[in-house]
Amino acid sequence: MSSSGLGPAFIGAIQASLSVLLTISYGVIASQFKLLNSDAGRQVSKACVKIFLPALLMTKLGAQLSIDVVGRYLPILLWSVVCNTLSICLGKLLEKTLPQSWEMPAWTTPAIAFNNTTSMPLLLIQALEKTGILSSILMPGGNDSLDDAVQRAKTYFLINTMVSNSITFALGPKLLSADAEDAPSGKSADEDSESDDEEDGNANEHTSLLPSPVMRRGRRASRKVESHLRAIYQSLPHPVQVVLHHIAPFANAPVFGAAAGFIIGLTPPLKTAFFADPFEGGFFSAWITTSLQNIGDLFASLQVIVVGVKLAEAMRKVKRGDDSDSDDDKSGAVPWRATTLVLLIRFFIWPAVAISAIWMLVKNTGVLSEDPILVFCMMLMPAGPPALKLMALAEVNDSSENQKLAVAKFLAFAYAVSPLMALTVVGSLKATENVA
């Protein structure tokens, strides 16, 4: 197993970072030329969270999981839970112990807790594949190929994505709730508008495409189901209600998409039907699977573009001088102490901890040593810039517009310095070569 040079590793990491930065800039350009505004960006972000990401998780996990290799992913599941839990605890500890002069906004804890587990790792692996440096950490024996190793790496990162997304959308809104606006009660504005349109006979973008009788029957059925479920819940013992109350936040669209992917991947007849060649039993592969893959592939790039749209809005607000007229939280300004702390943890502290912990585990126990690319990926997983899903969390939690602007500016700066990931890539690569 030959050792790779430092230069190609740095080049690969910088290329991946620049691709994300360029995608963000396209969102800024779209906003600047009035192709997308903040309202459109918010709607796109919600579509990404509720449609595109579940489709991505379902198709990727379903295609790459199988009963034969599922045990290989258990260390990733455990490592992802440990990393996210420790990060959340660290964020809450800093939030409680640091003096008020540090001005730690509500988004600091989720920024510490949740790093980019989707677009950045996948782009990074693609860039590293082109440099060829991953050939130094292939499986021993000569039967492994660079393409196979890269496909395994993508699978490992997607497993980590599933865990991270489950925790992100279950706990993230609660972590942001300190500065969030109250969520609207009752029917949403869209639903109110839709009802008014039906009564008045006026049609606009909120009007349902379904016939009115179908809509009325659907609403009646929905109310009946909700009533029955509420009655069942209230009839349960109190301890069970408490457990369900804590589990309920994890029941979101990304979790359902990941669960569907697991079920399909671990059920051979379903996997054949969804992912095999159409002439080999893949009845759904050419239409259902392909359509889901098409929309799933939109998630990473669209979510990054939305950040660019929000950044453009933030910069316009700064240009108008709003930041000088009010306090930091209300104006969307980013406290420099909190920003520095988050970036130190994400780009230096977590990489050092992850590389050291995984290296000692493999060196002293031999665990994970059968697949060097798994060791490399686990070292990279906790590192990197905060998740772009912070913007989606702000949308889900109905945060104030100023808080969303602050998050957008913080993310823009975090990704501007994301070439620092090159240090983690080189450290992980050399540590893996040492123990593989």
Protein backbone atom coordinates (compact mmCIF):
# COMPACT_ATOMS: atom_id res chain seq x y z
CA MET A 1 0.00 0.00 0.00
CA SER A 2 1.76 3.12 -1.22
CA SER A 3 1.64 6.44 0.53
CA SER A 4 0.11 9.45 -1.23
CA GLY A 5 1.61 12.91 -1.35
CA LEU A 6 0.33 15.92 0.53
CA GLY A 7 -0.22 18.12 -2.52
CA PRO A 8 -2.95 16.06 -4.24
CA ALA A 9 -4.90 15.77 -0.99
CA PHE A 10 -4.90 19.54 -0.49
CA ILE A 11 -5.87 20.12 -4.11
CA GLY A 12 -8.77 17.67 -3.90
CA ALA A 13 -10.15 19.21 -0.72
CA ILE A 14 -9.85 22.74 -2.08
CA GLN A 15 -11.59 21.74 -5.31
CA ALA A 16 -14.52 20.32 -3.36
CA SER A 17 -14.76 23.46 -1.24
CA LEU A 18 -14.64 25.73 -4.27
CA SER A 19 -17.44 23.79 -5.96
CA VAL A 20 -19.68 24.50 -2.96
CA LEU A 21 -18.65 28.16 -2.93
CA LEU A 22 -19.42 28.49 -6.64
CA THR A 23 -22.85 26.92 -6.14
CA ILE A 24 -23.57 29.42 -3.37
CA SER A 25 -22.54 32.21 -5.71
CA TYR A 26 -25.09 31.03 -8.27
CA GLY A 27 -27.80 31.57 -5.67
CA VAL A 28 -26.47 35.07 -5.03
CA ILE A 29 -26.52 35.78 -8.77
CA ALA A 30 -30.07 34.44 -9.11
CA SER A 31 -31.20 36.73 -6.30
CA GLN A 32 -29.28 39.71 -7.67
CA PHE A 33 -30.98 39.40 -11.06
CA LYS A 34 -34.38 38.85 -9.41
CA LEU A 35 -34.71 35.27 -10.63
CA LEU A 36 -35.31 34.14 -7.04
CA ASN A 37 -36.49 36.15 -4.04
CA SER A 38 -36.53 35.28 -0.35
CA ASP A 39 -40.09 33.89 -0.50
CA ALA A 40 -39.18 31.61 -3.38
CA GLY A 41 -36.03 30.55 -1.54
CA ARG A 42 -38.06 29.65 1.53
CA GLN A 43 -40.45 27.54 -0.55
CA VAL A 44 -37.57 25.79 -2.32
CA SER A 45 -35.94 25.07 1.04
CA LYS A 46 -39.11 23.45 2.37
CA ALA A 47 -39.42 21.38 -0.81
CA CYS A 48 -35.83 20.22 -0.35
CA VAL A 49 -36.50 19.10 3.21
CA LYS A 50 -39.87 17.45 2.66
CA ILE A 51 -39.51 15.98 -0.86
CA PHE A 52 -36.02 15.93 -2.33
CA LEU A 53 -34.04 14.76 0.72
CA PRO A 54 -36.38 11.82 1.53
CA ALA A 55 -36.16 10.72 -2.11
CA LEU A 56 -32.35 10.93 -2.01
CA LEU A 57 -32.12 8.89 1.19
CA MET A 58 -34.55 6.28 -0.06
CA THR A 59 -32.85 5.68 -3.41
CA LYS A 60 -29.24 5.81 -2.21
CA LEU A 61 -29.68 3.67 0.89
CA GLY A 62 -32.00 1.25 -0.86
CA ALA A 63 -29.55 0.70 -3.70
CA GLN A 64 -26.42 0.29 -1.59
CA LEU A 65 -27.63 -1.62 1.47
CA SER A 66 -28.02 -5.39 1.60
CA ILE A 67 -28.29 -8.08 4.25
CA ASP A 68 -24.73 -9.26 3.53
CA VAL A 69 -23.07 -5.92 4.31
CA VAL A 70 -25.44 -4.32 6.82
CA GLY A 71 -23.11 -5.23 9.71
CA ARG A 72 -20.41 -3.05 8.19
CA TYR A 73 -22.55 0.02 8.81
CA LEU A 74 -23.19 -0.54 12.52
CA PRO A 75 -19.96 1.26 13.56
CA ILE A 76 -21.05 4.25 11.47
CA LEU A 77 -24.47 4.35 13.14
CA LEU A 78 -22.87 4.25 16.58
CA TRP A 79 -20.18 6.79 15.68
CA SER A 80 -22.74 9.19 14.20
CA VAL A 81 -24.92 9.04 17.31
CA VAL A 82 -21.90 9.56 19.58
CA CYS A 83 -20.57 12.51 17.56
CA ASN A 84 -23.93 14.27 17.34
CA THR A 85 -24.70 13.68 21.02
CA LEU A 86 -21.31 14.98 22.16
CA SER A 87 -21.60 18.00 19.87
CA ILE A 88 -25.05 18.89 21.20
CA CYS A 89 -23.87 18.50 24.80
CA LEU A 90 -20.82 20.65 24.06
CA GLY A 91 -22.96 23.33 22.45
CA LYS A 92 -25.42 23.44 25.34
CA LEU A 93 -22.57 23.48 27.86
CA LEU A 94 -20.92 26.43 26.16
CA GLU A 95 -24.27 28.20 25.87
CA LYS A 96 -24.85 27.84 29.63
CA THR A 97 -21.32 28.57 30.87
CA LEU A 98 -20.00 31.32 28.61
CA PRO A 99 -20.66 34.89 29.78
CA GLN A 100 -23.43 36.91 28.15
CA SER A 101 -20.83 39.20 26.63
CA TRP A 102 -20.03 36.38 24.20
CA GLU A 103 -23.50 36.85 22.66
CA MET A 104 -24.19 33.19 21.85
CA PRO A 105 -27.33 33.15 19.64
CA ALA A 106 -29.73 30.22 19.58
CA TRP A 107 -28.26 28.87 16.34
CA THR A 108 -24.80 28.38 17.92
CA THR A 109 -25.65 24.99 19.43
CA PRO A 110 -27.05 23.43 16.21
CA ALA A 111 -24.12 24.95 14.29
CA ILE A 112 -21.74 23.13 16.64
CA ALA A 113 -23.84 19.97 16.64
CA PHE A 114 -24.61 19.47 12.95
CA ASN A 115 -22.00 19.59 10.20
CA ASN A 116 -22.51 19.17 6.47
CA THR A 117 -23.05 15.45 5.96
CA THR A 118 -24.48 15.53 2.43
CA SER A 119 -23.12 17.89 -0.21
CA MET A 120 -19.65 18.56 1.20
CA PRO A 121 -18.58 14.92 1.82
CA LEU A 122 -19.94 13.73 -1.53
CA LEU A 123 -18.25 16.55 -3.43
CA LEU A 124 -15.07 15.94 -1.48
CA ILE A 125 -15.03 12.23 -2.28
CA GLN A 126 -15.67 12.95 -5.97
CA ALA A 127 -12.78 15.39 -6.07
CA LEU A 128 -10.47 13.00 -4.23
CA GLU A 129 -11.40 10.24 -6.66
CA LYS A 130 -10.15 12.35 -9.55
CA THR A 131 -6.81 12.97 -7.82
CA GLY A 132 -6.30 9.23 -7.33
CA ILE A 133 -4.95 9.61 -3.81
CA LEU A 134 -7.53 7.20 -2.36
CA SER A 135 -5.76 4.35 -4.15
CA SER A 136 -3.35 4.29 -1.21
CA ILE A 137 -6.09 3.11 1.17
CA LEU A 138 -7.77 0.35 -0.83
CA MET A 139 -8.54 -3.04 0.70
CA PRO A 140 -5.49 -5.32 0.80
CA GLY A 141 -5.34 -8.28 -1.56
CA GLY A 142 -5.51 -6.47 -4.88
CA ASN A 143 -9.20 -7.21 -5.46
CA ASP A 144 -10.40 -3.72 -4.56
CA SER A 145 -10.70 -0.90 -7.08
CA LEU A 146 -10.79 2.86 -6.68
CA ASP A 147 -14.33 3.02 -8.05
CA ASP A 148 -15.56 0.39 -5.59
CA ALA A 149 -13.88 2.22 -2.72
CA VAL A 150 -15.50 5.52 -3.71
CA GLN A 151 -18.94 3.89 -3.93
CA ARG A 152 -18.46 2.41 -0.46
CA ALA A 153 -17.36 5.81 0.83
CA LYS A 154 -20.53 7.42 -0.52
CA THR A 155 -22.59 4.72 1.17
CA TYR A 156 -20.85 5.32 4.50
CA PHE A 157 -21.46 9.05 4.28
CA LEU A 158 -25.13 8.51 3.42
CA ILE A 159 -25.58 6.30 6.49
CA ASN A 160 -24.10 9.12 8.52
CA THR A 161 -26.45 11.50 6.72
CA MET A 162 -29.46 9.45 7.77
CA VAL A 163 -28.49 9.56 11.44
CA SER A 164 -27.52 13.22 11.35
CA ASN A 165 -30.72 14.24 9.57
CA SER A 166 -32.87 12.27 12.00
CA ILE A 167 -31.30 14.11 14.93
CA THR A 168 -31.16 17.44 13.11
CA PHE A 169 -34.84 17.72 12.29
CA ALA A 170 -35.94 16.18 15.59
CA LEU A 171 -33.84 18.33 17.91
CA GLY A 172 -32.72 21.23 15.72
CA PRO A 173 -35.95 23.27 15.91
CA LYS A 174 -35.95 22.92 19.71
CA LEU A 175 -32.36 24.18 19.85
CA LEU A 176 -33.38 27.22 17.80
CA SER A 177 -36.55 27.91 19.77
CA ALA A 178 -34.97 30.38 22.19
CA ASP A 179 -35.04 33.20 19.64
CA ALA A 180 -37.79 31.93 17.37
CA GLU A 181 -41.11 33.53 16.67
CA ASP A 182 -44.25 31.73 17.82
CA ALA A 183 -45.44 29.28 15.23
CA PRO A 184 -48.82 30.19 13.76
CA SER A 185 -51.71 28.32 15.28
CA GLY A 186 -54.67 26.84 13.51
CA LYS A 187 -54.74 26.67 9.75
CA SER A 188 -51.85 28.02 7.77
CA ALA A 189 -52.16 31.02 5.50
CA ASP A 190 -52.12 28.75 2.48
CA GLU A 191 -54.96 26.65 3.86
CA ASP A 192 -57.00 29.73 4.75
CA SER A 193 -56.40 31.14 1.30
CA GLU A 194 -57.37 27.87 -0.29
CA SER A 195 -60.63 27.68 1.67
CA ASP A 196 -61.50 31.27 0.78
CA ASP A 197 -60.80 30.61 -2.88
CA GLU A 198 -63.11 27.62 -2.89
CA GLU A 199 -65.90 29.59 -1.26
CA ASP A 200 -65.51 32.64 -3.50
CA GLY A 201 -64.91 30.70 -6.70
CA ASN A 202 -61.61 32.53 -7.28
CA ALA A 203 -58.52 30.63 -8.42
CA ASN A 204 -54.91 31.48 -7.68
CA GLU A 205 -51.66 29.67 -6.88
CA HIS A 206 -53.11 28.41 -3.57
CA THR A 207 -56.14 26.75 -5.16
CA SER A 208 -56.06 22.95 -5.13
CA LEU A 209 -56.04 21.18 -8.49
CA LEU A 210 -58.36 18.50 -7.11
CA PRO A 211 -62.15 18.84 -7.54
CA SER A 212 -63.92 20.49 -4.60
CA PRO A 213 -65.90 17.34 -3.62
CA VAL A 214 -62.66 15.37 -3.44
CA MET A 215 -61.07 18.06 -1.27
CA ARG A 216 -64.06 18.12 1.09
CA ARG A 217 -64.07 14.34 1.46
CA GLY A 218 -60.32 14.38 2.02
CA ARG A 219 -60.61 16.95 4.79
CA ARG A 220 -63.41 15.00 6.46
CA ALA A 221 -61.35 11.79 6.30
CA SER A 222 -58.33 13.61 7.70
CA ARG A 223 -60.34 14.96 10.63
CA LYS A 224 -61.74 11.50 11.38
CA VAL A 225 -58.28 9.90 11.33
CA GLU A 226 -56.90 12.65 13.54
CA SER A 227 -59.78 12.21 15.98
CA HIS A 228 -59.28 8.44 16.16
CA LEU A 229 -55.53 8.78 16.65
CA ARG A 230 -56.06 11.34 19.41
CA ALA A 231 -58.52 9.01 21.15
CA ILE A 232 -56.06 6.10 20.90
CA TYR A 233 -53.24 8.27 22.25
CA GLN A 234 -55.32 9.46 25.21
CA SER A 235 -56.31 5.88 26.06
CA LEU A 236 -52.68 4.77 26.36
CA PRO A 237 -50.94 4.57 29.75
CA HIS A 238 -49.16 7.75 30.76
CA PRO A 239 -45.60 6.26 30.47
CA VAL A 240 -46.37 5.22 26.90
CA GLN A 241 -47.66 8.71 26.13
CA VAL A 242 -44.43 10.19 27.47
CA VAL A 243 -42.35 7.89 25.27
CA LEU A 244 -44.43 8.70 22.18
CA HIS A 245 -44.19 12.40 22.97
CA HIS A 246 -40.38 12.19 22.84
CA ILE A 247 -40.33 9.95 19.78
CA ALA A 248 -42.79 12.03 17.76
CA PRO A 249 -40.25 14.72 16.70
CA PHE A 250 -38.23 12.02 14.92
CA ALA A 251 -41.22 11.22 12.70
CA ASN A 252 -40.35 13.56 9.83
CA ALA A 253 -39.97 13.22 6.09
CA PRO A 254 -36.20 12.48 6.01
CA VAL A 255 -36.65 9.73 8.60
CA PHE A 256 -39.46 8.17 6.57
CA GLY A 257 -37.31 8.31 3.45
CA ALA A 258 -34.37 6.66 5.22
CA ALA A 259 -36.66 4.01 6.72
CA ALA A 260 -38.05 3.21 3.28
CA GLY A 261 -34.49 2.90 1.96
CA PHE A 262 -33.55 0.50 4.76
CA ILE A 263 -36.64 -1.64 4.21
CA ILE A 264 -36.09 -1.84 0.46
CA GLY A 265 -32.35 -2.48 0.77
CA LEU A 266 -32.76 -5.24 3.36
CA THR A 267 -35.68 -6.96 1.57
CA PRO A 268 -34.26 -8.79 -1.49
CA PRO A 269 -37.54 -8.97 -3.48
CA LEU A 270 -38.14 -5.24 -2.98
CA LYS A 271 -34.55 -4.38 -3.82
CA THR A 272 -34.81 -6.38 -7.02
CA ALA A 273 -38.08 -4.71 -7.95
CA PHE A 274 -36.75 -1.19 -7.34
CA PHE A 275 -33.10 -1.40 -8.41
CA ALA A 276 -32.52 -4.39 -10.69
CA ASP A 277 -32.45 -4.14 -14.46
CA PRO A 278 -35.99 -4.00 -15.93
CA PHE A 279 -35.33 -7.28 -17.75
CA GLU A 280 -34.12 -8.94 -14.53
CA GLY A 281 -37.11 -8.27 -12.32
CA GLY A 282 -36.68 -4.53 -11.78
CA PHE A 283 -40.31 -3.67 -12.45
CA PHE A 284 -40.11 -0.27 -10.71
CA SER A 285 -36.55 0.71 -11.60
CA ALA A 286 -37.18 2.43 -14.93
CA TRP A 287 -40.01 4.66 -13.72
CA ILE A 288 -40.52 4.95 -9.96
CA THR A 289 -36.87 4.60 -8.96
CA THR A 290 -35.62 6.82 -11.77
CA SER A 291 -38.12 9.56 -10.95
CA LEU A 292 -37.13 9.47 -7.26
CA GLN A 293 -33.45 9.59 -8.18
CA ASN A 294 -34.10 12.60 -10.40
CA ILE A 295 -35.64 14.65 -7.60
CA GLY A 296 -33.26 13.31 -4.95
CA ASP A 297 -30.28 14.54 -6.93
CA LEU A 298 -31.70 18.07 -6.69
CA PHE A 299 -31.36 18.27 -2.90
CA ALA A 300 -27.72 19.21 -2.33
CA SER A 301 -27.38 21.82 -5.06
CA LEU A 302 -30.76 23.45 -4.44
CA GLN A 303 -30.16 23.71 -0.71
CA VAL A 304 -26.83 25.43 -1.36
CA ILE A 305 -28.46 27.81 -3.85
CA VAL A 306 -31.05 28.76 -1.23
CA VAL A 307 -28.21 29.75 1.09
CA GLY A 308 -26.91 31.99 -1.69
CA VAL A 309 -30.35 33.59 -2.03
CA LYS A 310 -30.49 34.22 1.72
CA LEU A 311 -26.94 35.58 1.66
CA ALA A 312 -27.85 38.06 -1.07
CA GLU A 313 -30.83 39.21 1.00
CA ALA A 314 -28.59 39.61 4.03
CA MET A 315 -26.04 41.63 2.10
CA ARG A 316 -28.73 43.94 0.77
CA LYS A 317 -29.94 44.54 4.30
CA VAL A 318 -26.41 45.32 5.46
CA LYS A 319 -26.00 47.72 2.54
CA ARG A 320 -29.12 49.60 3.63
CA GLY A 321 -27.44 50.18 6.97
CA ASP A 322 -29.97 48.25 9.05
CA ASP A 323 -27.23 46.65 11.14
CA SER A 324 -26.25 49.99 12.64
CA ASP A 325 -29.79 50.76 13.81
CA SER A 326 -30.51 47.82 16.12
CA ASP A 327 -28.94 45.10 18.22
CA ASP A 328 -27.15 42.10 16.77
CA ASP A 329 -29.96 39.55 16.97
CA LYS A 330 -32.59 41.87 15.55
CA SER A 331 -30.47 43.05 12.67
CA GLY A 332 -29.14 39.65 11.62
CA ALA A 333 -25.57 40.48 12.61
CA VAL A 334 -23.24 37.58 13.48
CA PRO A 335 -21.36 37.71 16.84
CA TRP A 336 -17.68 37.20 16.05
CA ARG A 337 -16.92 35.28 19.25
CA ALA A 338 -19.63 32.70 18.56
CA THR A 339 -18.54 32.41 14.94
CA THR A 340 -14.89 31.86 15.87
CA LEU A 341 -15.81 29.26 18.48
CA VAL A 342 -18.00 27.27 16.10
CA LEU A 343 -15.39 27.25 13.36
CA LEU A 344 -12.62 26.22 15.76
CA ILE A 345 -14.69 23.28 16.90
CA ARG A 346 -15.76 22.27 13.40
CA PHE A 347 -12.41 22.64 11.58
CA PHE A 348 -9.82 21.89 14.27
CA ILE A 349 -11.11 20.38 17.52
CA TRP A 350 -13.46 17.74 16.11
CA PRO A 351 -10.99 16.62 13.38
CA ALA A 352 -8.23 16.21 15.99
CA VAL A 353 -10.54 14.23 18.29
CA ALA A 354 -11.95 12.05 15.49
CA ILE A 355 -8.60 11.21 13.90
CA SER A 356 -7.04 10.39 17.28
CA ALA A 357 -9.99 8.31 18.52
CA ILE A 358 -10.41 6.24 15.35
CA TRP A 359 -6.64 5.78 14.97
CA MET A 360 -6.30 4.47 18.53
CA LEU A 361 -9.35 2.22 18.08
CA VAL A 362 -7.97 0.61 14.93
CA LYS A 363 -4.37 0.48 16.17
CA ASN A 364 -5.16 -1.14 19.51
CA THR A 365 -8.13 -3.36 18.66
CA GLY A 366 -7.99 -4.08 14.94
CA VAL A 367 -11.65 -3.07 14.61
CA LEU A 368 -12.57 -1.57 11.20
CA SER A 369 -9.18 -2.53 9.74
CA GLU A 370 -10.68 -4.75 7.01
CA ASP A 371 -11.80 -1.67 5.05
CA PRO A 372 -9.36 1.28 5.17
CA ILE A 373 -11.83 3.56 3.35
CA LEU A 374 -14.24 3.08 6.28
CA VAL A 375 -11.54 4.27 8.69
CA PHE A 376 -10.88 7.29 6.47
CA CYS A 377 -14.57 8.19 6.24
CA MET A 378 -15.17 7.88 9.99
CA MET A 379 -12.28 10.27 10.62
CA LEU A 380 -13.85 12.80 8.24
CA MET A 381 -17.47 12.49 9.38
CA PRO A 382 -17.45 14.87 12.38
CA ALA A 383 -15.37 17.50 10.58
CA GLY A 384 -16.29 20.25 8.17
CA PRO A 385 -18.47 23.36 8.00
CA PRO A 386 -21.85 23.53 9.74
CA ALA A 387 -24.77 21.97 7.92
CA LEU A 388 -26.54 24.00 5.27
CA LYS A 389 -29.66 22.50 6.81
CA LEU A 390 -29.41 25.24 9.44
CA MET A 391 -31.35 27.32 6.92
CA ALA A 392 -33.96 24.58 6.63
CA LEU A 393 -34.18 24.37 10.42
CA ALA A 394 -34.86 28.08 10.58
CA GLU A 395 -37.68 27.57 8.08
CA VAL A 396 -39.16 24.58 9.90
CA ASN A 397 -39.10 26.46 13.20
CA ASP A 398 -40.58 29.69 11.79
CA SER A 399 -37.59 31.69 13.02
CA SER A 400 -37.57 35.44 12.56
CA GLU A 401 -36.34 36.81 9.25
CA ASN A 402 -33.44 38.52 11.03
CA GLN A 403 -32.32 35.26 12.59
CA LYS A 404 -32.47 33.60 9.17
CA LEU A 405 -30.28 36.39 7.78
CA ALA A 406 -27.77 35.89 10.59
CA VAL A 407 -27.65 32.16 9.86
CA ALA A 408 -27.16 32.85 6.14
CA LYS A 409 -24.24 35.23 6.76
CA PHE A 410 -22.65 32.82 9.22
CA LEU A 411 -22.91 29.92 6.76
CA ALA A 412 -21.46 32.02 3.96
CA PHE A 413 -18.42 32.83 6.07
CA ALA A 414 -18.11 29.21 7.24
CA TYR A 415 -18.02 27.95 3.66
CA ALA A 416 -15.64 30.72 2.63
CA VAL A 417 -13.07 29.17 4.98
CA SER A 418 -14.06 25.57 4.17
CA PRO A 419 -10.77 24.89 2.32
CA LEU A 420 -9.46 24.32 5.85
CA MET A 421 -10.93 20.85 5.36
CA ALA A 422 -7.74 20.09 3.44
CA LEU A 423 -5.96 19.76 6.79
CA THR A 424 -8.46 17.13 7.94
CA VAL A 425 -8.23 15.24 4.65
CA VAL A 426 -4.46 15.00 4.83
CA GLY A 427 -4.47 14.05 8.51
CA SER A 428 -7.12 11.37 7.97
CA LEU A 429 -5.37 9.98 4.92
CA LYS A 430 -1.99 9.69 6.62
CA ALA A 431 -3.51 8.22 9.79
CA THR A 432 -5.39 5.63 7.72
CA GLU A 433 -2.26 4.70 5.78
CA ASN A 434 -0.49 4.21 9.11
CA VAL A 435 -2.97 1.66 10.45
CA ALA A 436 -4.32 0.04 7.26
